[in-house]
Amino acid sequence: MKIITSLLLGLFLFTFAGSNTFAQYRKLTVILLRHAEKDLSDMDDPNPELSVEGKLRAQRLVNLVNKYQPDAIYSTNYIRTRATVAPLAQSRRMMYQIYDPRNLNQMRDLILSGKIKRLVVVGHNNTTPVLANLLIGQDKYKKLDESEYDKIWIVKIRRYERKPNKVRDSVITY
């Protein structure tokens, strides 16, 4: 009986060891961006929708980001950020997840855990550069101008167990 139990336990563990259930990826790709253009017709609205230009930008984002094959999409809980990634999420047949832009260290820790290989994070002009800086470990990027919506940060991280991570970052305009 002990042998059968041991074999079943071994088979169970072997089955999950080969799957992504406990995976920790070594090569990570993080795509960071600010939400698309917001509708400024009501200056008193703290949570505006996207403007016509913003909706078009969100559609262009689909083709640009799909080549990275994201496994997860994260958005802040604002109409404009969710609307920016909604077309991408729909094209990938996945749901976006909400994160707290006031706790960027938590998002950094999630990313660096290696549980998600490729992900997209949409934020704001003051949070996206901060998250990029947290991931690369330096104060390289500054707050975006209020009218700047066309930047995407691509951060590639190679995780190591016994030495510092290797990080490459670039900014593209779309």
C-alpha atoms as a PDB file:
ATOM      1  CA  MET A   1       0.000   0.000   0.000  1.00  0.00           C
ATOM      2  CA  LYS A   2       2.869   2.393   0.829  1.00  0.00           C
ATOM      3  CA  ILE A   3       4.412   1.704  -2.573  1.00  0.00           C
ATOM      4  CA  ILE A   4       1.181   2.490  -4.415  1.00  0.00           C
ATOM      5  CA  THR A   5       0.698   5.686  -2.397  1.00  0.00           C
ATOM      6  CA  SER A   6       4.299   6.722  -3.071  1.00  0.00           C
ATOM      7  CA  LEU A   7       3.906   6.022  -6.798  1.00  0.00           C
ATOM      8  CA  LEU A   8       0.672   8.011  -6.993  1.00  0.00           C
ATOM      9  CA  LEU A   9       2.241  10.920  -5.099  1.00  0.00           C
ATOM     10  CA  GLY A  10       5.292  10.793  -7.371  1.00  0.00           C
ATOM     11  CA  LEU A  11       3.092  10.713 -10.482  1.00  0.00           C
ATOM     12  CA  PHE A  12       1.070  13.666  -9.170  1.00  0.00           C
ATOM     13  CA  LEU A  13       4.188  15.746  -8.486  1.00  0.00           C
ATOM     14  CA  PHE A  14       5.772  14.782 -11.814  1.00  0.00           C
ATOM     15  CA  THR A  15       2.612  15.841 -13.662  1.00  0.00           C
ATOM     16  CA  PHE A  16       2.596  19.315 -12.096  1.00  0.00           C
ATOM     17  CA  ALA A  17       6.354  19.774 -12.301  1.00  0.00           C
ATOM     18  CA  GLY A  18       6.103  19.659 -16.087  1.00  0.00           C
ATOM     19  CA  SER A  19       3.331  22.210 -16.265  1.00  0.00           C
ATOM     20  CA  ASN A  20       3.328  25.961 -15.724  1.00  0.00           C
ATOM     21  CA  THR A  21       1.544  25.616 -12.384  1.00  0.00           C
ATOM     22  CA  PHE A  22       4.726  26.167 -10.407  1.00  0.00           C
ATOM     23  CA  ALA A  23       6.735  27.835 -13.181  1.00  0.00           C
ATOM     24  CA  GLN A  24       9.096  30.675 -12.538  1.00  0.00           C
ATOM     25  CA  TYR A  25      10.256  32.086 -15.813  1.00  0.00           C
ATOM     26  CA  ARG A  26      13.791  33.337 -16.233  1.00  0.00           C
ATOM     27  CA  LYS A  27      13.203  35.580 -19.269  1.00  0.00           C
ATOM     28  CA  LEU A  28      10.516  38.186 -18.716  1.00  0.00           C
ATOM     29  CA  THR A  29       9.113  40.811 -21.066  1.00  0.00           C
ATOM     30  CA  VAL A  30       7.179  43.724 -19.617  1.00  0.00           C
ATOM     31  CA  ILE A  31       5.334  46.231 -21.802  1.00  0.00           C
ATOM     32  CA  LEU A  32       4.485  49.428 -19.934  1.00  0.00           C
ATOM     33  CA  LEU A  33       2.368  52.232 -21.304  1.00  0.00           C
ATOM     34  CA  ARG A  34       0.274  55.180 -20.358  1.00  0.00           C
ATOM     35  CA  HIS A  35      -3.426  55.135 -21.189  1.00  0.00           C
ATOM     36  CA  ALA A  36      -4.474  56.586 -24.534  1.00  0.00           C
ATOM     37  CA  GLU A  37      -5.822  60.111 -24.989  1.00  0.00           C
ATOM     38  CA  LYS A  38      -8.612  60.962 -22.588  1.00  0.00           C
ATOM     39  CA  ASP A  39     -11.694  63.004 -23.363  1.00  0.00           C
ATOM     40  CA  LEU A  40     -11.104  66.494 -21.977  1.00  0.00           C
ATOM     41  CA  SER A  41     -14.528  67.932 -22.843  1.00  0.00           C
ATOM     42  CA  ASP A  42     -15.566  67.869 -19.172  1.00  0.00           C
ATOM     43  CA  MET A  43     -12.624  69.210 -17.186  1.00  0.00           C
ATOM     44  CA  ASP A  44     -14.442  68.440 -13.907  1.00  0.00           C
ATOM     45  CA  ASP A  45     -14.675  64.699 -14.655  1.00  0.00           C
ATOM     46  CA  PRO A  46     -11.940  62.901 -12.656  1.00  0.00           C
ATOM     47  CA  ASN A  47     -12.517  59.639 -14.543  1.00  0.00           C
ATOM     48  CA  PRO A  48     -13.060  60.467 -18.229  1.00  0.00           C
ATOM     49  CA  GLU A  49     -13.468  58.065 -21.098  1.00  0.00           C
ATOM     50  CA  LEU A  50     -11.109  57.952 -24.061  1.00  0.00           C
ATOM     51  CA  SER A  51     -11.387  60.566 -26.763  1.00  0.00           C
ATOM     52  CA  VAL A  52     -11.860  59.559 -30.409  1.00  0.00           C
ATOM     53  CA  GLU A  53      -8.067  59.788 -30.832  1.00  0.00           C
ATOM     54  CA  GLY A  54      -7.607  57.630 -27.732  1.00  0.00           C
ATOM     55  CA  LYS A  55      -9.921  54.930 -29.056  1.00  0.00           C
ATOM     56  CA  LEU A  56      -7.980  54.856 -32.323  1.00  0.00           C
ATOM     57  CA  ARG A  57      -4.696  54.621 -30.398  1.00  0.00           C
ATOM     58  CA  ALA A  58      -6.081  51.724 -28.338  1.00  0.00           C
ATOM     59  CA  GLN A  59      -6.861  49.889 -31.579  1.00  0.00           C
ATOM     60  CA  ARG A  60      -3.339  50.531 -32.948  1.00  0.00           C
ATOM     61  CA  LEU A  61      -1.928  49.193 -29.715  1.00  0.00           C
ATOM     62  CA  VAL A  62      -3.411  45.751 -30.458  1.00  0.00           C
ATOM     63  CA  ASN A  63      -1.194  45.132 -33.486  1.00  0.00           C
ATOM     64  CA  LEU A  64       1.870  46.571 -31.826  1.00  0.00           C
ATOM     65  CA  VAL A  65       1.624  44.620 -28.565  1.00  0.00           C
ATOM     66  CA  ASN A  66       0.248  41.326 -29.897  1.00  0.00           C
ATOM     67  CA  LYS A  67       3.660  40.487 -31.383  1.00  0.00           C
ATOM     68  CA  TYR A  68       4.949  40.124 -27.805  1.00  0.00           C
ATOM     69  CA  GLN A  69       2.192  37.567 -27.054  1.00  0.00           C
ATOM     70  CA  PRO A  70       1.351  38.818 -23.552  1.00  0.00           C
ATOM     71  CA  ASP A  71       0.204  36.236 -21.029  1.00  0.00           C
ATOM     72  CA  ALA A  72      -1.405  38.841 -18.757  1.00  0.00           C
ATOM     73  CA  ILE A  73      -2.700  42.394 -18.938  1.00  0.00           C
ATOM     74  CA  TYR A  74      -2.893  44.744 -15.967  1.00  0.00           C
ATOM     75  CA  SER A  75      -4.741  48.051 -15.757  1.00  0.00           C
ATOM     76  CA  THR A  76      -5.548  50.579 -13.104  1.00  0.00           C
ATOM     77  CA  ASN A  77      -9.239  50.830 -12.268  1.00  0.00           C
ATOM     78  CA  TYR A  78      -9.970  53.937 -14.325  1.00  0.00           C
ATOM     79  CA  ILE A  79     -12.203  54.097 -17.376  1.00  0.00           C
ATOM     80  CA  ARG A  80      -9.395  55.438 -19.589  1.00  0.00           C
ATOM     81  CA  THR A  81      -6.866  52.733 -18.655  1.00  0.00           C
ATOM     82  CA  ARG A  82      -9.360  49.888 -18.956  1.00  0.00           C
ATOM     83  CA  ALA A  83     -10.552  51.249 -22.325  1.00  0.00           C
ATOM     84  CA  THR A  84      -6.954  51.441 -23.536  1.00  0.00           C
ATOM     85  CA  VAL A  85      -6.329  47.715 -22.998  1.00  0.00           C
ATOM     86  CA  ALA A  86      -9.847  46.415 -23.659  1.00  0.00           C
ATOM     87  CA  PRO A  87      -9.276  45.903 -27.425  1.00  0.00           C
ATOM     88  CA  LEU A  88      -5.993  44.102 -26.708  1.00  0.00           C
ATOM     89  CA  ALA A  89      -7.609  41.878 -24.090  1.00  0.00           C
ATOM     90  CA  GLN A  90     -10.468  41.098 -26.446  1.00  0.00           C
ATOM     91  CA  SER A  91      -8.100  40.216 -29.310  1.00  0.00           C
ATOM     92  CA  ARG A  92      -6.145  37.873 -27.000  1.00  0.00           C
ATOM     93  CA  ARG A  93      -9.354  36.422 -25.502  1.00  0.00           C
ATOM     94  CA  MET A  94      -8.240  37.262 -21.994  1.00  0.00           C
ATOM     95  CA  MET A  95      -9.380  39.406 -19.116  1.00  0.00           C
ATOM     96  CA  TYR A  96      -7.343  42.293 -17.842  1.00  0.00           C
ATOM     97  CA  GLN A  97      -6.610  42.450 -14.139  1.00  0.00           C
ATOM     98  CA  ILE A  98      -6.774  45.518 -11.938  1.00  0.00           C
ATOM     99  CA  TYR A  99      -3.774  46.736  -9.946  1.00  0.00           C
ATOM    100  CA  ASP A 100      -3.364  49.605  -7.491  1.00  0.00           C
ATOM    101  CA  PRO A 101      -1.241  52.436  -8.946  1.00  0.00           C
ATOM    102  CA  ARG A 102      -0.563  53.654  -5.398  1.00  0.00           C
ATOM    103  CA  ASN A 103       1.320  50.431  -4.654  1.00  0.00           C
ATOM    104  CA  LEU A 104       3.810  50.080  -7.507  1.00  0.00           C
ATOM    105  CA  ASN A 105       6.212  48.077  -5.330  1.00  0.00           C
ATOM    106  CA  GLN A 106       3.605  45.322  -5.184  1.00  0.00           C
ATOM    107  CA  MET A 107       3.336  45.321  -8.994  1.00  0.00           C
ATOM    108  CA  ARG A 108       7.140  45.267  -9.300  1.00  0.00           C
ATOM    109  CA  ASP A 109       7.302  42.299  -6.933  1.00  0.00           C
ATOM    110  CA  LEU A 110       4.649  40.441  -8.940  1.00  0.00           C
ATOM    111  CA  ILE A 111       6.562  41.042 -12.157  1.00  0.00           C
ATOM    112  CA  LEU A 112       9.929  40.056 -10.704  1.00  0.00           C
ATOM    113  CA  SER A 113       8.468  36.897  -9.149  1.00  0.00           C
ATOM    114  CA  GLY A 114       8.699  35.339 -12.607  1.00  0.00           C
ATOM    115  CA  LYS A 115       5.221  33.835 -12.476  1.00  0.00           C
ATOM    116  CA  ILE A 116       4.181  35.664 -15.659  1.00  0.00           C
ATOM    117  CA  LYS A 117       6.470  35.502 -18.680  1.00  0.00           C
ATOM    118  CA  ARG A 118       5.103  38.380 -20.766  1.00  0.00           C
ATOM    119  CA  LEU A 119       2.766  41.080 -19.515  1.00  0.00           C
ATOM    120  CA  VAL A 120       1.313  44.460 -20.334  1.00  0.00           C
ATOM    121  CA  VAL A 121       0.786  47.109 -17.668  1.00  0.00           C
ATOM    122  CA  VAL A 122      -1.153  50.271 -18.466  1.00  0.00           C
ATOM    123  CA  GLY A 123      -0.961  53.197 -16.086  1.00  0.00           C
ATOM    124  CA  HIS A 124      -0.686  56.961 -16.019  1.00  0.00           C
ATOM    125  CA  ASN A 125       1.755  59.739 -16.893  1.00  0.00           C
ATOM    126  CA  ASN A 126       3.075  59.768 -13.325  1.00  0.00           C
ATOM    127  CA  THR A 127       3.006  56.015 -12.540  1.00  0.00           C
ATOM    128  CA  THR A 128       4.265  54.290 -15.691  1.00  0.00           C
ATOM    129  CA  PRO A 129       7.744  55.897 -15.640  1.00  0.00           C
ATOM    130  CA  VAL A 130       8.011  55.153 -11.903  1.00  0.00           C
ATOM    131  CA  LEU A 131       7.227  51.476 -12.483  1.00  0.00           C
ATOM    132  CA  ALA A 132       9.780  51.373 -15.302  1.00  0.00           C
ATOM    133  CA  ASN A 133      12.372  52.836 -12.924  1.00  0.00           C
ATOM    134  CA  LEU A 134      11.506  50.283 -10.240  1.00  0.00           C
ATOM    135  CA  LEU A 135      11.999  47.448 -12.723  1.00  0.00           C
ATOM    136  CA  ILE A 136      15.321  48.676 -14.112  1.00  0.00           C
ATOM    137  CA  GLY A 137      16.648  49.733 -10.708  1.00  0.00           C
ATOM    138  CA  GLN A 138      17.527  53.311 -11.611  1.00  0.00           C
ATOM    139  CA  ASP A 139      15.920  56.743 -11.818  1.00  0.00           C
ATOM    140  CA  LYS A 140      16.072  57.036 -15.592  1.00  0.00           C
ATOM    141  CA  TYR A 141      12.552  58.003 -16.654  1.00  0.00           C
ATOM    142  CA  LYS A 142      10.681  61.144 -15.660  1.00  0.00           C
ATOM    143  CA  LYS A 143       6.967  61.870 -15.449  1.00  0.00           C
ATOM    144  CA  LEU A 144       5.355  62.204 -18.866  1.00  0.00           C
ATOM    145  CA  ASP A 145       3.950  65.504 -20.007  1.00  0.00           C
ATOM    146  CA  GLU A 146       0.172  65.681 -19.698  1.00  0.00           C
ATOM    147  CA  SER A 147      -0.139  65.643 -23.511  1.00  0.00           C
ATOM    148  CA  GLU A 148       2.248  62.701 -24.076  1.00  0.00           C
ATOM    149  CA  TYR A 149       0.467  59.436 -24.859  1.00  0.00           C
ATOM    150  CA  ASP A 150       2.690  57.744 -27.427  1.00  0.00           C
ATOM    151  CA  LYS A 151       5.436  56.068 -25.372  1.00  0.00           C
ATOM    152  CA  ILE A 152       5.790  52.361 -24.651  1.00  0.00           C
ATOM    153  CA  TRP A 153       8.507  50.972 -22.406  1.00  0.00           C
ATOM    154  CA  ILE A 154       9.778  47.507 -23.246  1.00  0.00           C
ATOM    155  CA  VAL A 155      11.631  46.012 -20.279  1.00  0.00           C
ATOM    156  CA  LYS A 156      13.318  42.637 -20.743  1.00  0.00           C
ATOM    157  CA  ILE A 157      14.542  40.952 -17.608  1.00  0.00           C
ATOM    158  CA  ARG A 158      16.775  37.910 -17.419  1.00  0.00           C
ATOM    159  CA  ARG A 159      16.429  36.487 -13.906  1.00  0.00           C
ATOM    160  CA  TYR A 160      19.337  34.781 -12.188  1.00  0.00           C
ATOM    161  CA  GLU A 161      19.379  32.920  -8.897  1.00  0.00           C
ATOM    162  CA  ARG A 162      22.873  33.756  -7.712  1.00  0.00           C
ATOM    163  CA  LYS A 163      23.680  37.061  -9.404  1.00  0.00           C
ATOM    164  CA  PRO A 164      21.852  40.296 -10.220  1.00  0.00           C
ATOM    165  CA  ASN A 165      19.194  40.243 -12.896  1.00  0.00           C
ATOM    166  CA  LYS A 166      20.162  41.461 -16.351  1.00  0.00           C
ATOM    167  CA  VAL A 167      17.773  44.182 -17.498  1.00  0.00           C
ATOM    168  CA  ARG A 168      17.425  45.778 -20.932  1.00  0.00           C
ATOM    169  CA  ASP A 169      14.987  48.602 -21.492  1.00  0.00           C
ATOM    170  CA  SER A 170      13.897  50.678 -24.441  1.00  0.00           C
ATOM    171  CA  VAL A 171      11.191  53.188 -25.217  1.00  0.00           C
ATOM    172  CA  ILE A 172       9.308  53.118 -28.485  1.00  0.00           C
ATOM    173  CA  THR A 173       6.869  55.654 -29.900  1.00  0.00           C
ATOM    174  CA  TYR A 174       3.623  54.550 -31.460  1.00  0.00           C
END
